[in-house]
Amino acid sequence: LSTGSPQGPLLYALYTYDCTPIHSTNSIIKFADDTTVVGLVSGGDEAGYRDEVLKLSEWGSANYLAPNISKTKEMVIDYRRHRVDPAPLYINGDCVERVSTFKFLGTHIAEDLSWSANTSAVLKKTQQRLHFLRVLRKDSLEEKLL
């Protein structure tokens, strides 16, 4: 399935139509060729979330869509006073990397839900583009073209 073609995202959406959450506390978000599992863990019971990830992995194997573990990330958002890190998540025997920030649909999300990571990324991209404009202006490019 080539997601680089115009029909790629549509075919992916049709192909993954039956990929739905089995627990009401979880959501599966699909966009183009990315799939995100969002799970609510309450009372310290992670069974529903871990079961959802296991079932998604099994669904992927049955439908010839194996996850790329090197691109798979886990982020834990926890506002309790005495935070306890949950056990590592494993998919097919491989440990999933736990991150403090994650880029989701172009927006950087931090585990503390602050905007600082996203603001820094937008500022960096803006500065890079302004640099190119300054270089072009310095090289006497017509202002109409800028």
N, C-alpha and C. Protein backbone atom coordinates (compact mmCIF):
# COMPACT_ATOMS: atom_id res chain seq x y z
N LEU A 1 0.86 -1.18 0.00
CA LEU A 1 0.00 0.00 0.00
C LEU A 1 0.90 1.23 0.00
N SER A 2 0.88 2.00 -1.07
CA SER A 2 1.72 3.19 -1.19
C SER A 2 0.93 4.40 -0.70
N THR A 3 1.37 4.99 0.42
CA THR A 3 0.69 6.18 0.93
C THR A 3 1.17 7.44 0.24
N GLY A 4 2.19 7.32 -0.62
CA GLY A 4 2.68 8.48 -1.35
C GLY A 4 1.83 8.82 -2.55
N SER A 5 0.97 7.93 -2.96
CA SER A 5 0.10 8.19 -4.10
C SER A 5 -1.16 8.92 -3.63
N PRO A 6 -1.86 9.60 -4.53
CA PRO A 6 -3.06 10.35 -4.14
C PRO A 6 -4.14 9.47 -3.50
N GLN A 7 -4.27 8.23 -3.96
CA GLN A 7 -5.30 7.37 -3.40
C GLN A 7 -4.81 6.63 -2.15
N GLY A 8 -3.53 6.75 -1.78
CA GLY A 8 -2.96 6.04 -0.64
C GLY A 8 -3.70 6.26 0.67
N PRO A 9 -3.88 7.52 1.11
CA PRO A 9 -4.59 7.74 2.38
C PRO A 9 -6.03 7.21 2.37
N LEU A 10 -6.72 7.33 1.24
CA LEU A 10 -8.09 6.82 1.16
C LEU A 10 -8.09 5.30 1.27
N LEU A 11 -7.19 4.64 0.57
CA LEU A 11 -7.11 3.19 0.66
C LEU A 11 -6.75 2.74 2.07
N TYR A 12 -5.86 3.48 2.72
CA TYR A 12 -5.49 3.15 4.10
C TYR A 12 -6.71 3.27 5.01
N ALA A 13 -7.50 4.33 4.84
CA ALA A 13 -8.70 4.52 5.65
C ALA A 13 -9.70 3.39 5.42
N LEU A 14 -9.87 2.98 4.17
CA LEU A 14 -10.78 1.88 3.87
C LEU A 14 -10.24 0.55 4.41
N TYR A 15 -8.94 0.35 4.26
CA TYR A 15 -8.30 -0.88 4.69
C TYR A 15 -8.35 -1.05 6.21
N THR A 16 -8.31 0.06 6.95
CA THR A 16 -8.29 0.00 8.41
C THR A 16 -9.64 0.34 9.04
N TYR A 17 -10.69 0.31 8.25
CA TYR A 17 -12.02 0.69 8.75
C TYR A 17 -12.44 -0.16 9.96
N ASP A 18 -12.12 -1.43 9.96
CA ASP A 18 -12.54 -2.31 11.05
C ASP A 18 -11.60 -2.27 12.26
N CYS A 19 -10.63 -1.40 12.23
CA CYS A 19 -9.71 -1.24 13.36
C CYS A 19 -10.33 -0.24 14.34
N THR A 20 -11.04 -0.78 15.32
CA THR A 20 -11.75 0.06 16.29
C THR A 20 -11.35 -0.36 17.71
N PRO A 21 -11.48 0.55 18.67
CA PRO A 21 -11.10 0.19 20.04
C PRO A 21 -12.05 -0.84 20.63
N ILE A 22 -11.51 -1.70 21.50
CA ILE A 22 -12.33 -2.71 22.15
C ILE A 22 -12.72 -2.29 23.56
N HIS A 23 -12.04 -1.27 24.09
CA HIS A 23 -12.35 -0.76 25.43
C HIS A 23 -12.90 0.66 25.30
N SER A 24 -13.91 0.98 26.08
CA SER A 24 -14.54 2.30 25.98
C SER A 24 -13.64 3.43 26.49
N THR A 25 -12.62 3.11 27.25
CA THR A 25 -11.71 4.13 27.78
C THR A 25 -10.58 4.46 26.81
N ASN A 26 -10.56 3.81 25.66
CA ASN A 26 -9.51 4.04 24.66
C ASN A 26 -10.09 4.60 23.38
N SER A 27 -9.24 5.30 22.64
CA SER A 27 -9.59 5.78 21.30
C SER A 27 -8.47 5.41 20.35
N ILE A 28 -8.83 5.11 19.12
CA ILE A 28 -7.85 4.88 18.07
C ILE A 28 -8.05 5.96 17.03
N ILE A 29 -7.00 6.76 16.82
CA ILE A 29 -7.06 7.87 15.89
C ILE A 29 -6.19 7.51 14.68
N LYS A 30 -6.80 7.56 13.50
CA LYS A 30 -6.08 7.22 12.27
C LYS A 30 -6.06 8.44 11.37
N PHE A 31 -4.87 8.75 10.85
CA PHE A 31 -4.71 9.85 9.90
C PHE A 31 -3.66 9.44 8.89
N ALA A 32 -4.04 9.47 7.63
CA ALA A 32 -3.16 9.02 6.54
C ALA A 32 -2.67 7.62 6.88
N ASP A 33 -1.37 7.44 7.11
CA ASP A 33 -0.87 6.10 7.44
C ASP A 33 -0.38 6.00 8.88
N ASP A 34 -0.84 6.91 9.74
CA ASP A 34 -0.47 6.89 11.15
C ASP A 34 -1.66 6.45 11.99
N THR A 35 -1.38 5.70 13.03
CA THR A 35 -2.41 5.26 13.97
C THR A 35 -1.94 5.60 15.37
N THR A 36 -2.83 6.21 16.15
CA THR A 36 -2.51 6.61 17.51
C THR A 36 -3.53 6.00 18.46
N VAL A 37 -3.05 5.40 19.54
CA VAL A 37 -3.93 4.87 20.58
C VAL A 37 -3.86 5.82 21.76
N VAL A 38 -5.02 6.30 22.20
CA VAL A 38 -5.11 7.15 23.37
C VAL A 38 -5.91 6.37 24.41
N GLY A 39 -5.30 6.15 25.57
CA GLY A 39 -5.96 5.37 26.60
C GLY A 39 -6.05 6.13 27.91
N LEU A 40 -7.19 6.01 28.57
CA LEU A 40 -7.38 6.59 29.89
C LEU A 40 -7.15 5.50 30.93
N VAL A 41 -6.15 5.72 31.75
CA VAL A 41 -5.84 4.77 32.82
C VAL A 41 -6.28 5.41 34.13
N SER A 42 -7.22 4.79 34.81
CA SER A 42 -7.68 5.33 36.09
C SER A 42 -7.57 4.25 37.16
N GLY A 43 -7.27 4.69 38.34
CA GLY A 43 -7.12 3.76 39.44
C GLY A 43 -5.90 2.86 39.32
N GLY A 44 -4.94 3.26 38.48
CA GLY A 44 -3.72 2.48 38.32
C GLY A 44 -3.90 1.21 37.51
N ASP A 45 -5.09 0.99 36.94
CA ASP A 45 -5.35 -0.22 36.15
C ASP A 45 -5.06 0.05 34.68
N GLU A 46 -3.92 -0.43 34.21
CA GLU A 46 -3.50 -0.23 32.83
C GLU A 46 -3.94 -1.37 31.92
N ALA A 47 -4.68 -2.32 32.43
CA ALA A 47 -5.02 -3.52 31.67
C ALA A 47 -5.74 -3.19 30.37
N GLY A 48 -6.70 -2.28 30.41
CA GLY A 48 -7.46 -1.92 29.21
C GLY A 48 -6.57 -1.32 28.13
N TYR A 49 -5.67 -0.42 28.54
CA TYR A 49 -4.75 0.21 27.60
C TYR A 49 -3.80 -0.81 26.99
N ARG A 50 -3.18 -1.63 27.84
CA ARG A 50 -2.22 -2.62 27.35
C ARG A 50 -2.91 -3.67 26.47
N ASP A 51 -4.12 -4.05 26.85
CA ASP A 51 -4.88 -5.00 26.04
C ASP A 51 -5.21 -4.39 24.67
N GLU A 52 -5.52 -3.09 24.66
CA GLU A 52 -5.82 -2.40 23.39
C GLU A 52 -4.61 -2.41 22.47
N VAL A 53 -3.45 -2.14 23.01
CA VAL A 53 -2.22 -2.15 22.21
C VAL A 53 -1.94 -3.56 21.69
N LEU A 54 -2.15 -4.56 22.54
CA LEU A 54 -1.95 -5.95 22.12
C LEU A 54 -2.92 -6.32 21.01
N LYS A 55 -4.20 -5.98 21.16
CA LYS A 55 -5.20 -6.30 20.14
C LYS A 55 -4.91 -5.56 18.84
N LEU A 56 -4.43 -4.30 18.93
CA LEU A 56 -4.08 -3.54 17.73
C LEU A 56 -2.91 -4.21 17.01
N SER A 57 -1.94 -4.69 17.77
CA SER A 57 -0.81 -5.38 17.18
C SER A 57 -1.26 -6.68 16.51
N GLU A 58 -2.14 -7.41 17.17
CA GLU A 58 -2.67 -8.64 16.58
C GLU A 58 -3.48 -8.34 15.32
N TRP A 59 -4.29 -7.28 15.37
CA TRP A 59 -5.08 -6.88 14.20
C TRP A 59 -4.14 -6.54 13.05
N GLY A 60 -3.07 -5.80 13.35
CA GLY A 60 -2.11 -5.44 12.32
C GLY A 60 -1.45 -6.65 11.69
N SER A 61 -1.07 -7.62 12.52
CA SER A 61 -0.45 -8.83 11.98
C SER A 61 -1.42 -9.60 11.09
N ALA A 62 -2.67 -9.68 11.51
CA ALA A 62 -3.68 -10.40 10.72
C ALA A 62 -3.98 -9.69 9.41
N ASN A 63 -3.75 -8.36 9.35
CA ASN A 63 -4.05 -7.57 8.16
C ASN A 63 -2.80 -7.10 7.43
N TYR A 64 -1.66 -7.75 7.73
CA TYR A 64 -0.39 -7.45 7.05
C TYR A 64 0.06 -6.00 7.24
N LEU A 65 -0.20 -5.45 8.42
CA LEU A 65 0.23 -4.09 8.77
C LEU A 65 1.01 -4.15 10.08
N ALA A 66 2.24 -4.53 10.01
CA ALA A 66 3.07 -4.63 11.21
C ALA A 66 3.52 -3.24 11.64
N PRO A 67 3.48 -2.94 12.94
CA PRO A 67 3.94 -1.62 13.39
C PRO A 67 5.46 -1.50 13.28
N ASN A 68 5.92 -0.30 12.98
CA ASN A 68 7.34 -0.01 12.94
C ASN A 68 7.73 0.41 14.36
N ILE A 69 8.30 -0.50 15.11
CA ILE A 69 8.59 -0.25 16.53
C ILE A 69 9.58 0.91 16.70
N SER A 70 10.48 1.11 15.75
CA SER A 70 11.45 2.21 15.89
C SER A 70 10.74 3.57 15.78
N LYS A 71 9.57 3.63 15.15
CA LYS A 71 8.81 4.88 15.05
C LYS A 71 7.68 4.95 16.07
N THR A 72 7.46 3.87 16.80
CA THR A 72 6.38 3.82 17.78
C THR A 72 6.86 4.46 19.08
N LYS A 73 6.05 5.36 19.61
CA LYS A 73 6.40 6.08 20.84
C LYS A 73 5.25 5.98 21.84
N GLU A 74 5.58 6.09 23.11
CA GLU A 74 4.58 6.14 24.17
C GLU A 74 4.83 7.38 25.01
N MET A 75 3.76 8.10 25.32
CA MET A 75 3.87 9.26 26.19
C MET A 75 2.84 9.11 27.30
N VAL A 76 3.28 9.33 28.53
CA VAL A 76 2.41 9.22 29.69
C VAL A 76 2.14 10.62 30.22
N ILE A 77 0.86 10.96 30.34
CA ILE A 77 0.46 12.24 30.92
C ILE A 77 -0.17 11.93 32.27
N ASP A 78 0.47 12.39 33.34
CA ASP A 78 0.05 12.03 34.69
C ASP A 78 0.13 13.26 35.57
N TYR A 79 -1.00 13.66 36.15
CA TYR A 79 -1.05 14.84 37.00
C TYR A 79 -1.12 14.52 38.49
N ARG A 80 -0.94 13.27 38.87
CA ARG A 80 -0.98 12.93 40.29
C ARG A 80 0.23 13.53 41.01
N ARG A 81 0.08 13.80 42.28
CA ARG A 81 1.20 14.35 43.06
C ARG A 81 2.36 13.38 43.15
N HIS A 82 2.03 12.13 43.40
CA HIS A 82 3.07 11.10 43.53
C HIS A 82 3.01 10.21 42.30
N ARG A 83 3.65 10.69 41.27
CA ARG A 83 3.63 9.98 39.99
C ARG A 83 4.47 8.71 40.07
N VAL A 84 3.92 7.65 39.55
CA VAL A 84 4.62 6.38 39.46
C VAL A 84 4.71 6.01 37.99
N ASP A 85 5.93 5.82 37.50
CA ASP A 85 6.09 5.45 36.10
C ASP A 85 5.57 4.04 35.87
N PRO A 86 4.70 3.88 34.88
CA PRO A 86 4.19 2.53 34.59
C PRO A 86 5.29 1.65 33.98
N ALA A 87 5.02 0.37 33.98
CA ALA A 87 5.98 -0.58 33.40
C ALA A 87 6.14 -0.29 31.91
N PRO A 88 7.30 -0.60 31.34
CA PRO A 88 7.51 -0.37 29.91
C PRO A 88 6.49 -1.14 29.07
N LEU A 89 6.18 -0.57 27.91
CA LEU A 89 5.24 -1.19 26.98
C LEU A 89 6.03 -2.00 25.96
N TYR A 90 5.61 -3.23 25.75
CA TYR A 90 6.26 -4.10 24.77
C TYR A 90 5.27 -4.47 23.68
N ILE A 91 5.74 -4.43 22.44
CA ILE A 91 4.96 -4.88 21.30
C ILE A 91 5.79 -5.93 20.57
N ASN A 92 5.26 -7.13 20.48
CA ASN A 92 5.95 -8.25 19.84
C ASN A 92 7.35 -8.46 20.41
N GLY A 93 7.49 -8.29 21.72
CA GLY A 93 8.78 -8.50 22.38
C GLY A 93 9.73 -7.33 22.33
N ASP A 94 9.38 -6.25 21.61
CA ASP A 94 10.24 -5.07 21.52
C ASP A 94 9.71 -3.98 22.43
N CYS A 95 10.62 -3.33 23.16
CA CYS A 95 10.24 -2.26 24.08
C CYS A 95 9.95 -0.98 23.29
N VAL A 96 8.84 -0.33 23.63
CA VAL A 96 8.44 0.93 22.98
C VAL A 96 9.10 2.08 23.73
N GLU A 97 9.69 3.00 22.99
CA GLU A 97 10.36 4.16 23.59
C GLU A 97 9.35 5.09 24.23
N ARG A 98 9.62 5.50 25.47
CA ARG A 98 8.77 6.46 26.16
C ARG A 98 9.39 7.85 26.00
N VAL A 99 8.58 8.82 25.57
CA VAL A 99 9.07 10.16 25.28
C VAL A 99 8.33 11.18 26.14
N SER A 100 8.94 12.37 26.30
CA SER A 100 8.30 13.44 27.05
C SER A 100 7.59 14.43 26.13
N THR A 101 7.97 14.47 24.85
CA THR A 101 7.26 15.29 23.86
C THR A 101 7.05 14.43 22.61
N PHE A 102 5.99 14.78 21.88
CA PHE A 102 5.62 13.99 20.71
C PHE A 102 4.99 14.90 19.68
N LYS A 103 5.36 14.72 18.41
CA LYS A 103 4.78 15.52 17.34
C LYS A 103 3.57 14.77 16.79
N PHE A 104 2.39 15.34 16.99
CA PHE A 104 1.15 14.71 16.56
C PHE A 104 0.43 15.65 15.60
N LEU A 105 0.33 15.24 14.34
CA LEU A 105 -0.32 16.03 13.29
C LEU A 105 0.24 17.46 13.22
N GLY A 106 1.56 17.58 13.34
CA GLY A 106 2.22 18.87 13.20
C GLY A 106 2.29 19.70 14.47
N THR A 107 1.71 19.21 15.55
CA THR A 107 1.72 19.94 16.82
C THR A 107 2.55 19.15 17.84
N HIS A 108 3.46 19.85 18.50
CA HIS A 108 4.29 19.20 19.52
C HIS A 108 3.52 19.19 20.83
N ILE A 109 3.31 17.99 21.37
CA ILE A 109 2.58 17.82 22.62
C ILE A 109 3.58 17.37 23.68
N ALA A 110 3.54 18.03 24.83
CA ALA A 110 4.43 17.69 25.93
C ALA A 110 3.65 16.94 27.00
N GLU A 111 4.37 16.14 27.80
CA GLU A 111 3.70 15.35 28.82
C GLU A 111 3.05 16.21 29.91
N ASP A 112 3.50 17.46 30.05
CA ASP A 112 2.86 18.36 31.01
C ASP A 112 1.80 19.23 30.34
N LEU A 113 1.53 18.96 29.06
CA LEU A 113 0.55 19.68 28.25
C LEU A 113 0.79 21.18 28.17
N SER A 114 2.06 21.58 28.28
CA SER A 114 2.42 22.99 28.11
C SER A 114 2.65 23.25 26.63
N TRP A 115 2.65 24.52 26.26
CA TRP A 115 2.83 24.89 24.86
C TRP A 115 4.29 25.21 24.54
N SER A 116 5.19 25.08 25.49
CA SER A 116 6.58 25.51 25.27
C SER A 116 7.27 24.73 24.15
N ALA A 117 7.08 23.42 24.08
CA ALA A 117 7.73 22.63 23.03
C ALA A 117 7.20 23.02 21.65
N ASN A 118 5.89 23.21 21.54
CA ASN A 118 5.31 23.59 20.26
C ASN A 118 5.74 25.00 19.86
N THR A 119 5.73 25.92 20.82
CA THR A 119 6.13 27.29 20.55
C THR A 119 7.59 27.35 20.09
N SER A 120 8.46 26.59 20.74
CA SER A 120 9.87 26.56 20.36
C SER A 120 10.05 26.02 18.95
N ALA A 121 9.31 24.97 18.60
CA ALA A 121 9.41 24.40 17.26
C ALA A 121 8.92 25.37 16.19
N VAL A 122 7.81 26.06 16.46
CA VAL A 122 7.29 27.04 15.50
C VAL A 122 8.26 28.20 15.36
N LEU A 123 8.82 28.67 16.47
CA LEU A 123 9.79 29.76 16.44
C LEU A 123 11.03 29.37 15.65
N LYS A 124 11.52 28.15 15.84
CA LYS A 124 12.70 27.69 15.11
C LYS A 124 12.43 27.65 13.61
N LYS A 125 11.27 27.13 13.22
CA LYS A 125 10.92 27.07 11.80
C LYS A 125 10.78 28.47 11.21
N THR A 126 10.20 29.39 11.98
CA THR A 126 10.05 30.77 11.52
C THR A 126 11.40 31.43 11.32
N GLN A 127 12.32 31.23 12.26
CA GLN A 127 13.66 31.82 12.15
C GLN A 127 14.41 31.27 10.95
N GLN A 128 14.24 29.98 10.65
CA GLN A 128 14.91 29.39 9.48
C GLN A 128 14.39 30.02 8.19
N ARG A 129 13.10 30.22 8.11
CA ARG A 129 12.53 30.79 6.89
C ARG A 129 12.88 32.28 6.74
N LEU A 130 12.92 32.99 7.85
CA LEU A 130 13.33 34.40 7.80
C LEU A 130 14.79 34.52 7.38
N HIS A 131 15.61 33.58 7.81
CA HIS A 131 17.02 33.60 7.42
C HIS A 131 17.14 33.51 5.90
N PHE A 132 16.38 32.60 5.28
CA PHE A 132 16.44 32.47 3.82
C PHE A 132 15.98 33.75 3.13
N LEU A 133 14.96 34.40 3.67
CA LEU A 133 14.49 35.65 3.08
C LEU A 133 15.55 36.74 3.20
N ARG A 134 16.24 36.79 4.35
CA ARG A 134 17.30 37.78 4.54
C ARG A 134 18.45 37.55 3.57
N VAL A 135 18.81 36.29 3.36
CA VAL A 135 19.89 35.97 2.42
C VAL A 135 19.50 36.39 1.01
N LEU A 136 18.26 36.11 0.62
CA LEU A 136 17.80 36.50 -0.71
C LEU A 136 17.77 38.02 -0.86
N ARG A 137 17.33 38.72 0.18
CA ARG A 137 17.31 40.18 0.12
C ARG A 137 18.72 40.73 0.04
N LYS A 138 19.65 40.12 0.77
CA LYS A 138 21.06 40.56 0.75
C LYS A 138 21.66 40.37 -0.64
N ASP A 139 21.22 39.34 -1.36
CA ASP A 139 21.72 39.08 -2.71
C ASP A 139 20.98 39.89 -3.75
N SER A 140 20.27 40.92 -3.33
CA SER A 140 19.57 41.87 -4.21
C SER A 140 18.49 41.24 -5.08
N LEU A 141 17.76 40.30 -4.51
CA LEU A 141 16.62 39.73 -5.23
C LEU A 141 15.49 40.76 -5.23
N GLU A 142 14.79 40.87 -6.34
CA GLU A 142 13.72 41.85 -6.43
C GLU A 142 12.69 41.62 -5.32
N GLU A 143 12.20 42.72 -4.77
CA GLU A 143 11.23 42.62 -3.65
C GLU A 143 9.93 41.96 -4.08
N LYS A 144 9.57 42.07 -5.34
CA LYS A 144 8.34 41.41 -5.82
C LYS A 144 8.43 39.91 -5.69
N LEU A 145 9.63 39.37 -5.87
CA LEU A 145 9.82 37.94 -5.78
C LEU A 145 9.89 37.43 -4.34
N LEU A 146 10.22 38.34 -3.42
CA LEU A 146 10.28 37.95 -2.01
C LEU A 146 8.87 37.78 -1.50
